[in-house]
């Protein structure tokens, strides 16, 4: 079992290693011990995780809700909330932030509303982009059809 008393070097090794984090899984439930380790690490030694937070690889990002739980309970709460707000503003990690909010104490309804609204806006933008792409394809197809009709 991983221990919070590990040296910083050992902790960095675990954060960089692909042992737990790289295992193909849809959720952090596959390795609750590792998730708990990261949560406790965030709470007790937040500088370690904050130094990685902007460059998390996808496997480690699966543990982001627990990491945020720990970081928000640390002395680096303000800095952590700045990261969270930046991600919401940029439409990043929205699912992970929503998952974190399920267990946050106190519950931040305003932040959840922002996540919800950003998710809807992002979805609309993606949908509008797909609609524009479809219209362009349709216009090109029509022009090609007209060109073929004229050539016959």
C-alpha atoms as a PDB file:
ATOM      1  CA  UNK A   1       0.000   0.000   0.000  1.00  0.00           C
ATOM      2  CA  UNK A   2       1.227   3.473  -0.827  1.00  0.00           C
ATOM      3  CA  UNK A   3       1.913   5.628   2.159  1.00  0.00           C
ATOM      4  CA  UNK A   4       1.710   9.380   2.625  1.00  0.00           C
ATOM      5  CA  UNK A   5       5.011   9.082   4.512  1.00  0.00           C
ATOM      6  CA  UNK A   6       6.880   8.238   1.302  1.00  0.00           C
ATOM      7  CA  UNK A   7       9.705  10.540   0.347  1.00  0.00           C
ATOM      8  CA  UNK A   8       8.983  13.238  -2.215  1.00  0.00           C
ATOM      9  CA  UNK A   9      11.187  11.355  -4.687  1.00  0.00           C
ATOM     10  CA  UNK A  10       9.155   8.195  -4.206  1.00  0.00           C
ATOM     11  CA  UNK A  11       5.908  10.120  -4.555  1.00  0.00           C
ATOM     12  CA  UNK A  12       7.110  11.716  -7.767  1.00  0.00           C
ATOM     13  CA  UNK A  13       8.066   8.270  -9.028  1.00  0.00           C
ATOM     14  CA  UNK A  14       4.519   7.027  -8.395  1.00  0.00           C
ATOM     15  CA  UNK A  15       3.018  10.092 -10.049  1.00  0.00           C
ATOM     16  CA  UNK A  16       5.220   9.587 -13.110  1.00  0.00           C
ATOM     17  CA  UNK A  17       4.964   5.815 -13.202  1.00  0.00           C
ATOM     18  CA  UNK A  18       2.404   4.102 -15.337  1.00  0.00           C
ATOM     19  CA  UNK A  19       1.666   1.316 -12.862  1.00  0.00           C
ATOM     20  CA  UNK A  20      -1.653   2.236 -11.345  1.00  0.00           C
ATOM     21  CA  UNK A  21      -2.621   5.199 -13.465  1.00  0.00           C
ATOM     22  CA  UNK A  22      -2.034   3.667 -16.897  1.00  0.00           C
ATOM     23  CA  UNK A  23      -4.281   0.654 -16.357  1.00  0.00           C
ATOM     24  CA  UNK A  24      -7.155   0.867 -18.813  1.00  0.00           C
ATOM     25  CA  UNK A  25     -10.246   1.647 -16.766  1.00  0.00           C
ATOM     26  CA  UNK A  26     -13.232   3.964 -17.077  1.00  0.00           C
ATOM     27  CA  UNK A  27     -13.057   5.159 -13.501  1.00  0.00           C
ATOM     28  CA  UNK A  28     -10.812   5.466 -10.485  1.00  0.00           C
ATOM     29  CA  UNK A  29     -12.715   2.680  -8.709  1.00  0.00           C
ATOM     30  CA  UNK A  30     -10.270   0.155 -10.134  1.00  0.00           C
ATOM     31  CA  UNK A  31      -7.601   1.403  -7.731  1.00  0.00           C
ATOM     32  CA  UNK A  32      -9.281   2.998  -4.726  1.00  0.00           C
ATOM     33  CA  UNK A  33      -6.045   2.756  -2.723  1.00  0.00           C
ATOM     34  CA  UNK A  34      -4.149   4.805  -5.289  1.00  0.00           C
ATOM     35  CA  UNK A  35      -7.026   7.293  -5.511  1.00  0.00           C
ATOM     36  CA  UNK A  36      -7.052   7.665  -1.737  1.00  0.00           C
ATOM     37  CA  UNK A  37      -3.267   8.077  -1.760  1.00  0.00           C
ATOM     38  CA  UNK A  38      -3.547  10.926  -4.292  1.00  0.00           C
ATOM     39  CA  UNK A  39      -6.364  12.564  -2.331  1.00  0.00           C
ATOM     40  CA  UNK A  40      -4.353  12.426   0.906  1.00  0.00           C
ATOM     41  CA  UNK A  41      -1.231  13.587  -0.912  1.00  0.00           C
ATOM     42  CA  UNK A  42      -3.160  16.616  -2.186  1.00  0.00           C
ATOM     43  CA  UNK A  43      -4.374  17.399   1.301  1.00  0.00           C
ATOM     44  CA  UNK A  44      -1.054  16.975   3.113  1.00  0.00           C
ATOM     45  CA  UNK A  45       1.514  17.867   0.437  1.00  0.00           C
ATOM     46  CA  UNK A  46      -0.371  19.980  -2.084  1.00  0.00           C
ATOM     47  CA  UNK A  47       2.732  21.459  -3.720  1.00  0.00           C
ATOM     48  CA  UNK A  48       3.601  18.065  -5.201  1.00  0.00           C
ATOM     49  CA  UNK A  49       0.271  17.705  -7.003  1.00  0.00           C
ATOM     50  CA  UNK A  50      -0.026  21.391  -7.867  1.00  0.00           C
ATOM     51  CA  UNK A  51       3.315  21.109  -9.674  1.00  0.00           C
ATOM     52  CA  UNK A  52       1.728  18.423 -11.890  1.00  0.00           C
ATOM     53  CA  UNK A  53      -1.828  19.689 -12.172  1.00  0.00           C
ATOM     54  CA  UNK A  54      -1.470  21.512 -15.488  1.00  0.00           C
ATOM     55  CA  UNK A  55       0.314  18.649 -17.207  1.00  0.00           C
ATOM     56  CA  UNK A  56      -1.562  15.601 -15.994  1.00  0.00           C
ATOM     57  CA  UNK A  57      -1.410  12.759 -18.427  1.00  0.00           C
ATOM     58  CA  UNK A  58      -4.739  11.187 -19.261  1.00  0.00           C
ATOM     59  CA  UNK A  59      -4.259   8.188 -16.948  1.00  0.00           C
ATOM     60  CA  UNK A  60      -3.575  10.323 -13.892  1.00  0.00           C
ATOM     61  CA  UNK A  61      -6.389  12.702 -14.845  1.00  0.00           C
ATOM     62  CA  UNK A  62      -8.799   9.816 -14.128  1.00  0.00           C
ATOM     63  CA  UNK A  63      -8.072  10.496 -10.461  1.00  0.00           C
ATOM     64  CA  UNK A  64      -8.692  14.250 -10.702  1.00  0.00           C
ATOM     65  CA  UNK A  65     -11.898  14.340  -8.590  1.00  0.00           C
ATOM     66  CA  UNK A  66     -10.113  12.808  -5.598  1.00  0.00           C
ATOM     67  CA  UNK A  67      -7.043  14.948  -6.163  1.00  0.00           C
ATOM     68  CA  UNK A  68      -9.224  18.069  -6.139  1.00  0.00           C
ATOM     69  CA  UNK A  69     -10.935  16.892  -2.944  1.00  0.00           C
ATOM     70  CA  UNK A  70      -7.580  16.680  -1.240  1.00  0.00           C
ATOM     71  CA  UNK A  71      -6.209  19.927  -2.643  1.00  0.00           C
ATOM     72  CA  UNK A  72      -9.293  21.921  -1.643  1.00  0.00           C
ATOM     73  CA  UNK A  73      -8.851  20.696   1.956  1.00  0.00           C
ATOM     74  CA  UNK A  74      -5.200  21.830   1.959  1.00  0.00           C
ATOM     75  CA  UNK A  75      -3.603  25.192   2.645  1.00  0.00           C
ATOM     76  CA  UNK A  76      -3.547  25.634  -1.159  1.00  0.00           C
ATOM     77  CA  UNK A  77      -7.338  25.832  -1.467  1.00  0.00           C
ATOM     78  CA  UNK A  78      -7.319  29.285  -3.091  1.00  0.00           C
ATOM     79  CA  UNK A  79      -4.795  28.227  -5.736  1.00  0.00           C
ATOM     80  CA  UNK A  80      -6.722  25.016  -6.398  1.00  0.00           C
ATOM     81  CA  UNK A  81      -9.990  26.916  -6.833  1.00  0.00           C
ATOM     82  CA  UNK A  82      -8.207  29.223  -9.298  1.00  0.00           C
ATOM     83  CA  UNK A  83      -7.264  26.150 -11.363  1.00  0.00           C
ATOM     84  CA  UNK A  84     -10.806  24.802 -11.197  1.00  0.00           C
ATOM     85  CA  UNK A  85     -12.314  28.136 -12.251  1.00  0.00           C
ATOM     86  CA  UNK A  86      -9.814  28.433 -15.106  1.00  0.00           C
ATOM     87  CA  UNK A  87     -10.750  24.957 -16.329  1.00  0.00           C
ATOM     88  CA  UNK A  88     -14.455  25.755 -16.157  1.00  0.00           C
ATOM     89  CA  UNK A  89     -13.945  29.014 -18.068  1.00  0.00           C
ATOM     90  CA  UNK A  90     -12.027  27.074 -20.739  1.00  0.00           C
ATOM     91  CA  UNK A  91     -14.384  24.088 -20.827  1.00  0.00           C
ATOM     92  CA  UNK A  92     -11.721  21.676 -19.549  1.00  0.00           C
ATOM     93  CA  UNK A  93     -12.135  18.726 -17.144  1.00  0.00           C
ATOM     94  CA  UNK A  94     -15.853  19.502 -16.765  1.00  0.00           C
ATOM     95  CA  UNK A  95     -16.891  15.905 -16.030  1.00  0.00           C
ATOM     96  CA  UNK A  96     -14.139  15.532 -13.443  1.00  0.00           C
ATOM     97  CA  UNK A  97     -15.079  18.812 -11.764  1.00  0.00           C
ATOM     98  CA  UNK A  98     -18.745  17.784 -11.649  1.00  0.00           C
ATOM     99  CA  UNK A  99     -17.714  14.453 -10.107  1.00  0.00           C
ATOM    100  CA  UNK A 100     -15.533  16.248  -7.541  1.00  0.00           C
ATOM    101  CA  UNK A 101     -18.488  18.509  -6.653  1.00  0.00           C
ATOM    102  CA  UNK A 102     -20.632  15.469  -5.788  1.00  0.00           C
ATOM    103  CA  UNK A 103     -18.459  14.918  -2.731  1.00  0.00           C
ATOM    104  CA  UNK A 104     -17.211  18.414  -1.927  1.00  0.00           C
ATOM    105  CA  UNK A 105     -17.877  19.868   1.494  1.00  0.00           C
ATOM    106  CA  UNK A 106     -19.409  22.367   1.462  1.00  0.00           C
ATOM    107  CA  UNK A 107     -21.285  21.732  -1.748  1.00  0.00           C
ATOM    108  CA  UNK A 108     -20.771  24.585  -4.232  1.00  0.00           C
ATOM    109  CA  UNK A 109     -24.015  24.881  -6.169  1.00  0.00           C
ATOM    110  CA  UNK A 110     -22.868  27.986  -8.054  1.00  0.00           C
ATOM    111  CA  UNK A 111     -19.795  26.148  -9.351  1.00  0.00           C
ATOM    112  CA  UNK A 112     -21.915  23.189 -10.423  1.00  0.00           C
ATOM    113  CA  UNK A 113     -24.225  25.567 -12.322  1.00  0.00           C
ATOM    114  CA  UNK A 114     -21.183  27.048 -14.084  1.00  0.00           C
ATOM    115  CA  UNK A 115     -20.003  23.544 -15.031  1.00  0.00           C
ATOM    116  CA  UNK A 116     -23.487  22.676 -16.265  1.00  0.00           C
ATOM    117  CA  UNK A 117     -23.832  25.880 -18.299  1.00  0.00           C
ATOM    118  CA  UNK A 118     -20.353  25.521 -19.795  1.00  0.00           C
ATOM    119  CA  UNK A 119     -21.071  21.912 -20.728  1.00  0.00           C
ATOM    120  CA  UNK A 120     -24.266  22.974 -22.513  1.00  0.00           C
ATOM    121  CA  UNK A 121     -22.496  25.851 -24.286  1.00  0.00           C
ATOM    122  CA  UNK A 122     -19.645  23.585 -25.317  1.00  0.00           C
ATOM    123  CA  UNK A 123     -22.117  21.026 -26.618  1.00  0.00           C
ATOM    124  CA  UNK A 124     -23.971  23.713 -28.598  1.00  0.00           C
ATOM    125  CA  UNK A 125     -20.713  25.001 -30.060  1.00  0.00           C
ATOM    126  CA  UNK A 126     -19.743  21.482 -31.091  1.00  0.00           C
ATOM    127  CA  UNK A 127     -23.209  20.948 -32.534  1.00  0.00           C
ATOM    128  CA  UNK A 128     -23.085  24.290 -34.392  1.00  0.00           C
ATOM    129  CA  UNK A 129     -19.663  23.392 -35.724  1.00  0.00           C
ATOM    130  CA  UNK A 130     -20.969  20.033 -36.956  1.00  0.00           C
ATOM    131  CA  UNK A 131     -23.945  21.800 -38.554  1.00  0.00           C
ATOM    132  CA  UNK A 132     -21.609  24.234 -40.347  1.00  0.00           C
ATOM    133  CA  UNK A 133     -19.477  21.338 -41.545  1.00  0.00           C
ATOM    134  CA  UNK A 134     -22.553  19.537 -42.841  1.00  0.00           C
ATOM    135  CA  UNK A 135     -23.767  22.686 -44.623  1.00  0.00           C
ATOM    136  CA  UNK A 136     -20.363  23.111 -46.285  1.00  0.00           C
ATOM    137  CA  UNK A 137     -20.373  19.492 -47.407  1.00  0.00           C
ATOM    138  CA  UNK A 138     -23.905  19.876 -48.729  1.00  0.00           C
ATOM    139  CA  UNK A 139     -22.985  23.082 -50.599  1.00  0.00           C
ATOM    140  CA  UNK A 140     -19.936  21.407 -52.155  1.00  0.00           C
ATOM    141  CA  UNK A 141     -22.058  18.425 -53.130  1.00  0.00           C
ATOM    142  CA  UNK A 142     -24.658  20.681 -54.757  1.00  0.00           C
ATOM    143  CA  UNK A 143     -21.981  22.574 -56.683  1.00  0.00           C
ATOM    144  CA  UNK A 144     -20.478  19.318 -57.847  1.00  0.00           C
ATOM    145  CA  UNK A 145     -23.869  18.001 -58.926  1.00  0.00           C
ATOM    146  CA  UNK A 146     -24.590  21.226 -60.820  1.00  0.00           C
ATOM    147  CA  UNK A 147     -21.185  21.030 -62.445  1.00  0.00           C
ATOM    148  CA  UNK A 148     -21.820  17.446 -63.518  1.00  0.00           C
ATOM    149  CA  UNK A 149     -25.259  18.368 -64.910  1.00  0.00           C
ATOM    150  CA  UNK A 150     -23.746  21.196 -66.959  1.00  0.00           C
ATOM    151  CA  UNK A 151     -21.029  18.982 -68.346  1.00  0.00           C
ATOM    152  CA  UNK A 152     -23.599  16.443 -69.581  1.00  0.00           C
END
